[in-house]
Amino acid sequence: MNINLSLLSLVLLCASTMQFSQAQHKKNTNFELELHGGYTSNGVVPFWMRSNQYGSVPLDGGSGSFVIRANKTYRQPGEWQGRKTDTESLWDWGYGLEARANVGKDVNVQLIDAHAKVRYAMFEVKAGRSKDVMGLNGDTLLSSGNFAVSGNALGVPKLDISIPEYYRLPWFGGLFSFKGNFANGYMGKYEINPDEFLIKSDNQLHTLLHQKSVYGRLGKPHWKLTLYGGFNHQAQWGSEKKAYGSAYELNTFQTLWHVASGKAYGNESNGIPRSKIGNHQGSLDIGGSYNFGSVNVLVYRQNFYDVGALSKLANIKDGLNGITLTNNLYKSSDRVWDWQKLLVEFFYSKDQAGYPWSKSTKSGDEDYYNNFFYVEGWSYKNKNIGNPLIAAKNTVREGQIAYHNEFFISNRVVASHVGLSGHIQRWDFLTKLTYAMHYGTFSTSEYGGSLGQTRFPPIYGIFKKVNQFSAIVQGERLISKRLFIGGTVALDQGKLLENSLGMSVRLHKTF
């Protein structure tokens, strides 16, 4: 990217957004500017300064950043409650825009968010890049991250048709609510494993994204107990015809049907192994909340699936388990300090139905996020799309044992995680503490990888267990009308990541 052109584009974008914002006098239109300055040691940005930030990450070393945001929200945010008056329109629209420029040893500009959306009653159509997550958890800011989509990478540009917030059905006193989405997007060109080609071709091929979800909620508005459940499904696909040539007999629409339904396809007589088309990821989630009056408690679990073991409960030991306490009386008094939310999670992905004594499946061990077809697996622009605790090879210190064609070199992880938000004096704060034990992948374990009944020895060596601790503390306070000052301190200590310390300060102005 041409640096001068990028900076000029950012300035023009900022100026046009300010003019548009000033022309709007509605309460649901917002504009923000941020200036950041900071330093990270050892040439590394600490884990929690770069993880689950939707790709909005500072440069390593000494750097400064400039961030602009603009958005228009709906007149009636949150769950659709129906029209307040007979004359109120069912139609509404909104947009989101965020760009970041980093200046340090390099200069780069990134478009973090650029989307437009239209709503009719509870239905929404959204197009562009947006800051989305997928899965059931207690708080996206405090969580270690959803298994499927955590907000760790930039958003994939897509067209998304959805009911984005729970819609309460008008029958049975509002007992049943649901939400969901159906989306397709473009991920760019991905490196394809050359061993999978039946015809000679460029191995950088166009890749698409398919996504859908359905979540339900059981509970009337006045009930203290509410139950949740649902699933999400994501798949990378595209360019199968380029890879397999005339041996591949499906057209684009037939391929999309196979991808969306999970239906297997193969033409083994022509050299195409029978399997699902694409790289599939998702979770089956359950949860429940209870309102005790002063505190609301939410418990939840995400059950992981990748290549099919969950359908046989073979990897049921793996999952993200969490509990979140929300203080319903937060800032209702003049206390010097108070807590807003406390989140505790336990992340376990070590099983994967990969042990010799595990229930046998045709697909073998799950090998989360890695894929035989897509060299960089479940990633977007070299960043993990899912939970960042599963470590990619471009994020760890040198010297770790890795299987030659695996982008994620440690997906067998056991981790404890705590997040807390609140205020002390006039400062709002957020902190996250994570302790993780990493065991590599099954391909680098003493048991080796597996496919059905066949096991493959760890010919590249054994990954030795390593421990990792990561922490972050953030604070912010108002210093004058709509002007905030804040700071961040983050730390990594352990044997998986480079030890590092990061500090930053920021000024944040809203209009």
Protein backbone atom coordinates (compact mmCIF):
# COMPACT_ATOMS: atom_id res chain seq x y z
CA MET A 1 0.00 0.00 0.00
CA ASN A 2 1.32 3.44 -0.91
CA ILE A 3 1.89 5.22 2.41
CA ASN A 4 1.30 8.77 1.16
CA LEU A 5 -1.88 7.75 -0.63
CA SER A 6 -3.11 5.89 2.47
CA LEU A 7 -2.52 8.87 4.75
CA LEU A 8 -4.20 11.22 2.28
CA SER A 9 -7.20 8.89 2.06
CA LEU A 10 -7.45 8.80 5.85
CA VAL A 11 -7.37 12.61 6.11
CA LEU A 12 -10.06 12.98 3.43
CA LEU A 13 -12.12 10.27 5.10
CA CYS A 14 -11.83 12.05 8.45
CA ALA A 15 -12.76 15.40 6.97
CA SER A 16 -15.79 14.09 5.08
CA THR A 17 -16.96 12.17 8.14
CA MET A 18 -16.70 15.29 10.32
CA GLN A 19 -18.74 17.27 7.81
CA PHE A 20 -21.36 14.55 7.67
CA SER A 21 -21.43 14.26 11.44
CA GLN A 22 -21.83 18.02 11.89
CA ALA A 23 -24.72 17.96 9.42
CA GLN A 24 -26.50 15.45 11.59
CA HIS A 25 -28.19 16.54 14.79
CA LYS A 26 -29.68 13.24 15.83
CA LYS A 27 -28.73 11.58 19.08
CA ASN A 28 -28.06 8.28 17.31
CA THR A 29 -25.19 9.68 15.21
CA ASN A 30 -21.73 9.61 16.81
CA PHE A 31 -18.21 10.66 15.89
CA GLU A 32 -14.98 9.92 17.80
CA LEU A 33 -11.27 10.69 17.52
CA GLU A 34 -8.46 8.94 19.39
CA LEU A 35 -4.72 9.56 19.69
CA HIS A 36 -2.49 6.78 21.06
CA GLY A 37 1.15 6.74 22.03
CA GLY A 38 2.96 3.74 23.45
CA TYR A 39 5.89 1.39 23.68
CA THR A 40 6.26 -2.39 23.72
CA SER A 41 9.45 -4.20 24.72
CA ASN A 42 11.36 -6.98 23.01
CA GLY A 43 9.93 -6.18 19.57
CA VAL A 44 6.59 -7.78 20.46
CA VAL A 45 3.08 -6.47 21.11
CA PRO A 46 1.80 -8.26 24.27
CA PHE A 47 -0.97 -10.84 23.86
CA TRP A 48 -3.91 -8.85 25.24
CA MET A 49 -2.90 -5.65 23.42
CA ARG A 50 -3.24 -7.47 20.06
CA SER A 51 -5.88 -10.15 20.76
CA ASN A 52 -9.64 -9.71 20.25
CA GLN A 53 -9.09 -6.16 18.97
CA TYR A 54 -10.75 -6.73 15.57
CA GLY A 55 -7.36 -6.23 13.95
CA SER A 56 -6.88 -2.75 15.48
CA VAL A 57 -3.37 -3.34 16.83
CA PRO A 58 -0.43 -0.96 17.49
CA LEU A 59 3.03 -1.48 16.05
CA ASP A 60 5.74 -3.05 18.19
CA GLY A 61 8.38 -0.81 19.75
CA GLY A 62 7.61 2.89 20.08
CA SER A 63 4.62 4.01 18.04
CA GLY A 64 1.72 6.42 17.75
CA SER A 65 -1.77 5.84 16.40
CA PHE A 66 -4.65 7.91 15.12
CA VAL A 67 -8.14 6.38 15.15
CA ILE A 68 -11.39 7.80 13.78
CA ARG A 69 -14.85 6.33 14.31
CA ALA A 70 -18.27 7.33 13.06
CA ASN A 71 -21.55 5.50 13.31
CA LYS A 72 -25.29 5.89 13.11
CA THR A 73 -27.30 3.57 15.32
CA TYR A 74 -30.95 2.67 15.04
CA ARG A 75 -33.57 4.90 16.62
CA GLN A 76 -34.66 1.88 18.65
CA PRO A 77 -31.49 -0.06 19.59
CA GLY A 78 -31.43 -3.56 21.03
CA GLU A 79 -34.34 -5.98 20.85
CA TRP A 80 -37.23 -5.05 18.59
CA GLN A 81 -40.16 -4.03 20.79
CA GLY A 82 -42.55 -2.96 18.04
CA ARG A 83 -43.49 0.55 16.96
CA LYS A 84 -43.93 3.09 19.74
CA THR A 85 -46.57 4.97 17.72
CA ASP A 86 -48.70 4.10 14.71
CA THR A 87 -46.85 6.71 12.65
CA GLU A 88 -43.36 5.42 13.45
CA SER A 89 -41.70 3.80 10.45
CA LEU A 90 -40.73 0.13 10.50
CA TRP A 91 -37.70 1.07 8.41
CA ASP A 92 -34.39 2.31 9.83
CA TRP A 93 -30.80 2.44 8.73
CA GLY A 94 -27.31 2.83 10.13
CA TYR A 95 -23.62 2.60 9.35
CA GLY A 96 -20.26 2.07 11.01
CA LEU A 97 -16.84 3.42 10.08
CA GLU A 98 -13.48 3.04 11.80
CA ALA A 99 -9.96 3.57 10.47
CA ARG A 100 -6.58 3.39 12.22
CA ALA A 101 -3.20 4.79 11.19
CA ASN A 102 -0.06 3.54 12.99
CA VAL A 103 3.24 5.40 12.84
CA GLY A 104 6.45 3.91 14.23
CA LYS A 105 9.25 1.96 12.63
CA ASP A 106 6.72 1.49 9.81
CA VAL A 107 3.55 3.25 8.76
CA ASN A 108 0.32 1.40 8.07
CA VAL A 109 -3.34 2.23 7.68
CA GLN A 110 -6.19 -0.20 8.27
CA LEU A 111 -9.92 0.01 7.73
CA ILE A 112 -11.29 -1.69 10.84
CA ASP A 113 -14.99 -1.16 10.17
CA ALA A 114 -16.89 -0.03 7.07
CA HIS A 115 -20.48 -1.21 6.79
CA ALA A 116 -24.01 -0.04 6.09
CA LYS A 117 -27.19 -1.66 7.35
CA VAL A 118 -30.93 -1.44 6.85
CA ARG A 119 -33.58 -2.72 9.26
CA TYR A 120 -37.24 -3.51 8.74
CA ALA A 121 -38.83 -4.27 12.12
CA MET A 122 -36.70 -7.08 13.57
CA PHE A 123 -34.98 -7.99 10.27
CA GLU A 124 -31.63 -6.57 9.17
CA VAL A 125 -29.51 -6.58 6.02
CA LYS A 126 -25.88 -5.52 6.52
CA ALA A 127 -23.07 -5.23 3.97
CA GLY A 128 -19.36 -4.58 4.40
CA ARG A 129 -16.76 -5.17 7.10
CA SER A 130 -18.05 -5.02 10.67
CA LYS A 131 -16.87 -5.85 14.18
CA ASP A 132 -18.72 -9.11 14.81
CA VAL A 133 -18.37 -12.09 17.10
CA MET A 134 -20.15 -15.44 17.02
CA GLY A 135 -21.05 -17.52 20.05
CA LEU A 136 -22.59 -17.35 23.51
CA ASN A 137 -20.51 -15.74 26.26
CA GLY A 138 -20.88 -13.35 29.16
CA ASP A 139 -19.09 -10.28 27.82
CA THR A 140 -17.15 -9.85 24.58
CA LEU A 141 -14.72 -7.34 26.15
CA LEU A 142 -13.85 -9.54 29.14
CA SER A 143 -14.00 -13.01 27.53
CA SER A 144 -10.97 -14.94 26.33
CA GLY A 145 -12.87 -15.23 23.04
CA ASN A 146 -15.46 -17.36 21.30
CA PHE A 147 -14.29 -20.53 19.61
CA ALA A 148 -15.82 -19.70 16.22
CA VAL A 149 -15.38 -15.91 15.80
CA SER A 150 -13.87 -13.93 18.67
CA GLY A 151 -13.13 -10.56 17.08
CA ASN A 152 -9.43 -11.34 17.02
CA ALA A 153 -8.99 -10.68 13.28
CA LEU A 154 -10.40 -8.02 11.01
CA GLY A 155 -13.98 -8.68 9.99
CA VAL A 156 -14.50 -10.52 6.72
CA PRO A 157 -16.46 -8.35 4.22
CA LYS A 158 -19.85 -10.01 3.79
CA LEU A 159 -23.55 -9.66 3.09
CA ASP A 160 -25.43 -10.62 6.24
CA ILE A 161 -29.20 -11.19 6.47
CA SER A 162 -30.23 -11.57 10.10
CA ILE A 163 -32.40 -11.05 13.11
CA PRO A 164 -29.47 -9.57 15.06
CA GLU A 165 -31.15 -9.26 18.47
CA TYR A 166 -33.48 -11.69 20.18
CA TYR A 167 -37.03 -11.29 18.90
CA ARG A 168 -39.68 -12.25 21.44
CA LEU A 169 -42.54 -14.14 19.80
CA PRO A 170 -45.92 -12.66 20.79
CA TRP A 171 -47.44 -16.00 21.84
CA PHE A 172 -47.38 -17.76 25.24
CA GLY A 173 -46.67 -14.49 27.04
CA GLY A 174 -43.38 -13.96 25.23
CA LEU A 175 -41.90 -17.25 26.42
CA PHE A 176 -39.88 -17.94 23.27
CA SER A 177 -37.33 -15.67 21.61
CA PHE A 178 -34.86 -16.31 18.83
CA LYS A 179 -32.23 -14.69 16.62
CA GLY A 180 -29.98 -15.84 13.78
CA ASN A 181 -28.14 -14.94 10.62
CA PHE A 182 -27.24 -16.16 7.14
CA ALA A 183 -24.16 -14.56 5.56
CA ASN A 184 -21.73 -15.00 2.70
CA GLY A 185 -18.49 -13.10 2.22
CA TYR A 186 -15.17 -12.85 0.41
CA MET A 187 -11.92 -13.68 2.24
CA GLY A 188 -9.44 -12.91 -0.55
CA LYS A 189 -6.78 -15.22 -1.94
CA TYR A 190 -5.54 -18.09 0.26
CA GLU A 191 -2.61 -20.43 -0.18
CA ILE A 192 -3.85 -23.90 -1.05
CA ASN A 193 -1.87 -27.02 -0.20
CA PRO A 194 -0.19 -27.93 -3.54
CA ASP A 195 -0.54 -31.63 -2.70
CA GLU A 196 -4.31 -31.28 -3.13
CA PHE A 197 -4.18 -30.07 -6.75
CA LEU A 198 -5.15 -32.43 -9.53
CA ILE A 199 -4.24 -29.86 -12.17
CA LYS A 200 -1.32 -27.45 -12.35
CA SER A 201 -2.47 -24.06 -11.09
CA ASP A 202 -1.54 -21.00 -9.09
CA ASN A 203 -1.95 -22.10 -5.46
CA GLN A 204 -3.20 -18.66 -4.36
CA LEU A 205 -6.93 -19.06 -4.95
CA HIS A 206 -10.01 -16.97 -4.22
CA THR A 207 -11.73 -18.04 -1.01
CA LEU A 208 -15.26 -17.39 0.21
CA LEU A 209 -16.93 -17.44 3.63
CA HIS A 210 -20.26 -19.00 4.52
CA GLN A 211 -21.81 -18.34 7.93
CA LYS A 212 -25.10 -19.02 9.66
CA SER A 213 -26.44 -19.22 13.20
CA VAL A 214 -29.64 -19.86 15.14
CA TYR A 215 -30.04 -19.07 18.86
CA GLY A 216 -33.08 -19.44 21.07
CA ARG A 217 -34.07 -18.02 24.45
CA LEU A 218 -36.62 -19.49 26.85
CA GLY A 219 -38.10 -17.20 29.49
CA LYS A 220 -40.82 -14.62 29.96
CA PRO A 221 -39.87 -10.96 30.55
CA HIS A 222 -40.67 -11.09 34.27
CA TRP A 223 -38.97 -14.44 34.95
CA LYS A 224 -35.76 -14.52 36.95
CA LEU A 225 -34.55 -17.64 35.11
CA THR A 226 -33.71 -17.55 31.39
CA LEU A 227 -32.28 -20.40 29.30
CA TYR A 228 -30.26 -20.09 26.09
CA GLY A 229 -29.18 -22.47 23.35
CA GLY A 230 -28.08 -22.46 19.74
CA PHE A 231 -25.38 -23.15 17.20
CA ASN A 232 -23.20 -21.36 14.67
CA HIS A 233 -21.51 -22.62 11.53
CA GLN A 234 -18.68 -21.10 9.48
CA ALA A 235 -16.91 -22.48 6.41
CA GLN A 236 -14.12 -21.40 4.07
CA TRP A 237 -14.69 -22.59 0.50
CA GLY A 238 -14.28 -21.66 -3.15
CA SER A 239 -12.04 -22.40 -6.15
CA GLU A 240 -12.59 -26.16 -5.94
CA LYS A 241 -12.90 -26.23 -9.74
CA LYS A 242 -9.52 -24.52 -10.03
CA ALA A 243 -7.90 -27.15 -7.84
CA TYR A 244 -9.57 -30.26 -9.21
CA GLY A 245 -10.37 -29.33 -12.81
CA SER A 246 -12.92 -31.37 -14.76
CA ALA A 247 -12.89 -34.07 -12.09
CA TYR A 248 -14.94 -31.69 -9.93
CA GLU A 249 -18.53 -32.00 -11.15
CA LEU A 250 -20.46 -29.47 -9.01
CA ASN A 251 -21.33 -25.95 -10.11
CA THR A 252 -21.11 -22.94 -7.74
CA PHE A 253 -24.66 -23.21 -6.41
CA GLN A 254 -24.37 -26.96 -5.86
CA THR A 255 -21.09 -26.38 -4.05
CA LEU A 256 -22.65 -23.73 -1.80
CA TRP A 257 -25.46 -26.15 -0.95
CA HIS A 258 -22.92 -28.81 0.05
CA VAL A 259 -21.00 -26.24 2.12
CA ALA A 260 -24.10 -24.88 3.87
CA SER A 261 -25.60 -28.29 4.61
CA GLY A 262 -22.32 -30.02 5.47
CA LYS A 263 -23.02 -32.66 2.83
CA ALA A 264 -19.96 -34.66 1.82
CA TYR A 265 -18.71 -34.83 -1.75
CA GLY A 266 -16.05 -36.85 -3.49
CA ASN A 267 -15.05 -38.43 -6.75
CA GLU A 268 -12.50 -40.97 -5.63
CA SER A 269 -12.25 -42.56 -9.06
CA ASN A 270 -10.96 -39.20 -10.30
CA GLY A 271 -8.75 -38.54 -7.29
CA ILE A 272 -11.00 -36.35 -5.12
CA PRO A 273 -11.28 -37.77 -1.56
CA ARG A 274 -14.81 -37.84 -0.13
CA SER A 275 -15.24 -35.27 2.62
CA LYS A 276 -17.05 -32.05 3.46
CA ILE A 277 -16.27 -29.25 1.04
CA GLY A 278 -14.33 -26.46 2.72
CA ASN A 279 -12.93 -25.80 6.18
CA HIS A 280 -15.75 -25.89 8.74
CA GLN A 281 -15.76 -24.39 12.25
CA GLY A 282 -18.44 -23.74 14.82
CA SER A 283 -19.85 -24.34 18.25
CA LEU A 284 -22.99 -25.69 19.88
CA ASP A 285 -23.77 -23.40 22.82
CA ILE A 286 -25.95 -23.64 25.91
CA GLY A 287 -26.42 -21.32 28.87
CA GLY A 288 -28.69 -20.01 31.56
CA SER A 289 -29.03 -16.83 33.61
CA TYR A 290 -30.70 -16.05 36.92
CA ASN A 291 -31.48 -12.59 38.27
CA PHE A 292 -30.92 -12.46 42.03
CA GLY A 293 -31.92 -8.80 42.20
CA SER A 294 -28.66 -7.06 42.91
CA VAL A 295 -26.64 -9.53 40.81
CA ASN A 296 -27.38 -11.35 37.57
CA VAL A 297 -25.54 -14.66 37.01
CA LEU A 298 -24.96 -16.20 33.57
CA VAL A 299 -23.39 -19.63 33.05
CA TYR A 300 -22.54 -20.88 29.56
CA ARG A 301 -20.69 -23.53 27.60
CA GLN A 302 -19.47 -23.62 24.01
CA ASN A 303 -18.99 -27.12 22.58
CA PHE A 304 -16.48 -27.12 19.71
CA TYR A 305 -16.72 -28.79 16.34
CA ASP A 306 -14.34 -28.86 13.40
CA VAL A 307 -14.37 -32.09 11.37
CA GLY A 308 -17.24 -34.04 12.91
CA ALA A 309 -16.32 -35.58 16.27
CA LEU A 310 -18.97 -33.61 18.19
CA SER A 311 -21.78 -35.44 16.34
CA LYS A 312 -20.57 -38.59 18.11
CA LEU A 313 -19.73 -36.74 21.35
CA ALA A 314 -16.17 -37.96 20.83
CA ASN A 315 -14.65 -34.58 21.77
CA ILE A 316 -17.29 -33.54 24.31
CA LYS A 317 -14.56 -32.92 26.92
CA ASP A 318 -13.44 -29.90 24.92
CA GLY A 319 -15.23 -26.59 25.40
CA LEU A 320 -15.31 -23.08 26.76
CA ASN A 321 -17.03 -22.92 30.15
CA GLY A 322 -17.84 -19.60 31.77
CA ILE A 323 -19.70 -17.77 34.48
CA THR A 324 -20.38 -14.03 34.48
CA LEU A 325 -21.68 -11.94 37.39
CA THR A 326 -23.24 -8.59 36.50
CA ASN A 327 -23.75 -5.95 39.20
CA ASN A 328 -27.27 -4.59 38.66
CA LEU A 329 -26.59 -1.80 41.17
CA TYR A 330 -23.43 -0.55 39.47
CA LYS A 331 -22.89 3.21 39.98
CA SER A 332 -26.10 3.47 41.96
CA SER A 333 -24.17 4.87 44.93
CA ASP A 334 -21.20 7.18 45.58
CA ARG A 335 -18.79 4.37 46.45
CA VAL A 336 -15.10 5.07 45.84
CA TRP A 337 -14.85 1.85 43.88
CA ASP A 338 -17.38 -0.57 42.47
CA TRP A 339 -17.39 -3.56 40.16
CA GLN A 340 -19.52 -3.88 37.05
CA LYS A 341 -18.85 -7.38 35.71
CA LEU A 342 -16.79 -10.37 36.82
CA LEU A 343 -16.14 -13.12 34.28
CA VAL A 344 -14.39 -16.45 34.92
CA GLU A 345 -13.71 -18.92 32.10
CA PHE A 346 -12.09 -22.32 31.69
CA PHE A 347 -10.92 -23.17 28.16
CA TYR A 348 -10.13 -26.81 27.29
CA SER A 349 -9.20 -28.05 23.81
CA LYS A 350 -6.73 -30.82 24.65
CA ASP A 351 -8.89 -33.87 23.89
CA GLN A 352 -9.94 -33.46 20.22
CA ALA A 353 -10.98 -37.16 20.10
CA GLY A 354 -7.32 -37.75 19.27
CA TYR A 355 -6.12 -40.21 21.90
CA PRO A 356 -5.69 -43.89 20.99
CA TRP A 357 -8.52 -44.69 23.44
CA SER A 358 -10.88 -41.98 22.11
CA LYS A 359 -14.08 -42.93 20.33
CA SER A 360 -13.08 -43.60 16.73
CA THR A 361 -14.29 -41.22 14.01
CA LYS A 362 -13.66 -41.25 10.26
CA SER A 363 -12.11 -37.79 10.46
CA GLY A 364 -9.63 -38.59 13.25
CA ASP A 365 -8.49 -35.92 15.69
CA GLU A 366 -10.17 -32.53 15.29
CA ASP A 367 -6.91 -30.54 14.88
CA TYR A 368 -8.77 -27.30 15.60
CA TYR A 369 -8.35 -24.48 13.04
CA ASN A 370 -5.83 -26.42 10.89
CA ASN A 371 -6.97 -27.75 7.52
CA PHE A 372 -5.51 -30.06 4.87
CA PHE A 373 -6.67 -27.81 1.99
CA TYR A 374 -6.10 -24.27 3.33
CA VAL A 375 -2.49 -23.85 4.43
CA GLU A 376 -3.27 -21.09 6.97
CA GLY A 377 -6.46 -22.73 8.20
CA TRP A 378 -9.05 -20.72 10.13
CA SER A 379 -7.33 -17.34 9.77
CA TYR A 380 -7.89 -14.03 7.99
CA LYS A 381 -4.99 -11.86 6.91
CA ASN A 382 -2.62 -14.06 8.97
CA LYS A 383 -4.65 -13.68 12.18
CA ASN A 384 -6.64 -16.32 14.04
CA ILE A 385 -10.37 -15.75 13.53
CA GLY A 386 -11.32 -17.81 16.58
CA ASN A 387 -10.15 -17.93 20.17
CA PRO A 388 -6.63 -16.40 20.33
CA LEU A 389 -5.47 -18.93 22.95
CA ILE A 390 -5.01 -21.35 20.06
CA ALA A 391 -1.58 -20.21 18.88
CA ALA A 392 -0.49 -19.63 15.29
CA LYS A 393 3.14 -20.14 14.35
CA ASN A 394 3.61 -16.45 13.48
CA THR A 395 2.80 -15.39 17.07
CA VAL A 396 5.08 -17.67 19.15
CA ARG A 397 8.76 -17.50 20.02
CA GLU A 398 11.22 -19.35 17.82
CA GLY A 399 12.21 -22.91 18.62
CA GLN A 400 8.77 -24.46 19.18
CA ILE A 401 8.25 -27.90 17.63
CA ALA A 402 5.75 -27.74 14.78
CA TYR A 403 4.33 -30.03 12.11
CA HIS A 404 5.45 -28.70 8.73
CA ASN A 405 2.00 -27.94 7.24
CA GLU A 406 0.18 -26.73 10.37
CA PHE A 407 -0.37 -22.98 10.72
CA PHE A 408 -1.67 -23.37 14.29
CA ILE A 409 1.08 -25.12 16.21
CA SER A 410 -0.64 -25.28 19.61
CA ASN A 411 -4.35 -26.04 19.56
CA ARG A 412 -4.31 -28.37 22.57
CA VAL A 413 -4.73 -25.79 25.32
CA VAL A 414 -5.89 -25.76 28.94
CA ALA A 415 -6.46 -22.24 30.24
CA SER A 416 -8.01 -20.32 33.14
CA HIS A 417 -9.15 -16.78 32.49
CA VAL A 418 -10.55 -13.94 34.62
CA GLY A 419 -11.95 -10.61 33.50
CA LEU A 420 -13.16 -7.74 35.68
CA SER A 421 -14.57 -4.29 34.95
CA GLY A 422 -15.65 -1.45 37.22
CA HIS A 423 -14.47 1.92 38.48
CA ILE A 424 -12.06 3.33 41.08
CA GLN A 425 -12.65 6.97 41.95
CA ARG A 426 -13.33 8.62 38.59
CA TRP A 427 -11.50 5.95 36.59
CA ASP A 428 -13.33 3.21 34.70
CA PHE A 429 -11.14 0.12 34.47
CA LEU A 430 -10.95 -3.28 32.78
CA THR A 431 -8.51 -6.08 33.49
CA LYS A 432 -7.91 -9.58 32.11
CA LEU A 433 -5.65 -12.29 33.53
CA THR A 434 -4.97 -15.55 31.68
CA TYR A 435 -2.89 -18.59 32.58
CA ALA A 436 -2.59 -21.18 29.81
CA MET A 437 -0.84 -24.53 29.40
CA HIS A 438 0.02 -25.42 25.79
CA TYR A 439 0.50 -28.97 24.51
CA GLY A 440 1.06 -28.42 20.78
CA THR A 441 -1.07 -30.48 18.37
CA PHE A 442 -1.67 -34.22 18.16
CA SER A 443 0.74 -34.32 15.21
CA THR A 444 3.49 -33.17 17.61
CA SER A 445 2.35 -35.27 20.57
CA GLU A 446 3.61 -38.67 21.63
CA TYR A 447 0.39 -40.17 20.23
CA GLY A 448 0.73 -38.69 16.74
CA GLY A 449 -2.04 -37.49 14.45
CA SER A 450 -4.90 -39.67 13.26
CA LEU A 451 -7.32 -40.18 10.40
CA GLY A 452 -9.91 -42.84 11.13
CA GLN A 453 -8.06 -45.90 12.41
CA THR A 454 -4.74 -44.76 10.93
CA ARG A 455 -2.21 -42.99 13.13
CA PHE A 456 0.76 -40.94 11.97
CA PRO A 457 3.90 -40.77 14.16
CA PRO A 458 5.30 -37.38 15.27
CA ILE A 459 8.15 -37.32 12.76
CA TYR A 460 8.91 -33.63 13.43
CA GLY A 461 9.46 -34.09 17.16
CA ILE A 462 7.48 -33.81 20.38
CA PHE A 463 6.08 -30.49 21.53
CA LYS A 464 6.98 -30.08 25.19
CA LYS A 465 4.32 -28.55 27.42
CA VAL A 466 4.86 -24.84 28.07
CA ASN A 467 3.05 -22.40 30.35
CA GLN A 468 2.04 -18.85 29.54
CA PHE A 469 0.71 -15.95 31.62
CA SER A 470 -0.78 -12.83 30.02
CA ALA A 471 -2.39 -9.81 31.67
CA ILE A 472 -3.75 -6.40 30.82
CA VAL A 473 -5.09 -3.43 32.80
CA GLN A 474 -6.89 -0.55 31.09
CA GLY A 475 -8.24 2.65 32.61
CA GLU A 476 -10.04 5.74 31.36
CA ARG A 477 -11.55 8.89 32.87
CA LEU A 478 -13.32 12.04 31.76
CA ILE A 479 -11.12 15.15 32.01
CA SER A 480 -13.42 17.71 30.33
CA LYS A 481 -16.58 17.75 28.28
CA ARG A 482 -16.50 14.62 26.08
CA LEU A 483 -12.69 14.38 26.36
CA PHE A 484 -11.24 11.27 27.99
CA ILE A 485 -7.73 10.22 28.93
CA GLY A 486 -6.76 6.59 29.32
CA GLY A 487 -3.88 4.18 29.68
CA THR A 488 -3.00 0.51 29.19
CA VAL A 489 -0.38 -1.80 30.68
CA ALA A 490 0.02 -5.36 29.36
CA LEU A 491 2.44 -8.17 30.24
CA ASP A 492 3.44 -11.58 28.85
CA GLN A 493 5.53 -14.07 30.82
CA GLY A 494 6.10 -17.69 29.87
CA LYS A 495 7.68 -20.08 27.39
CA LEU A 496 5.27 -19.91 24.44
CA LEU A 497 5.36 -16.19 23.65
CA GLU A 498 8.25 -13.77 23.87
CA ASN A 499 8.29 -12.08 27.29
CA SER A 500 7.15 -8.52 26.79
CA LEU A 501 5.76 -5.43 28.45
CA GLY A 502 3.55 -2.89 26.72
CA MET A 503 2.34 0.55 27.83
CA SER A 504 0.23 3.15 26.10
CA VAL A 505 -1.69 6.36 26.77
CA ARG A 506 -4.58 7.73 24.74
CA LEU A 507 -6.80 10.76 24.34
CA HIS A 508 -10.37 10.08 23.28
CA LYS A 509 -12.78 12.77 22.10
CA THR A 510 -16.45 12.21 21.30
CA PHE A 511 -18.68 14.57 19.32
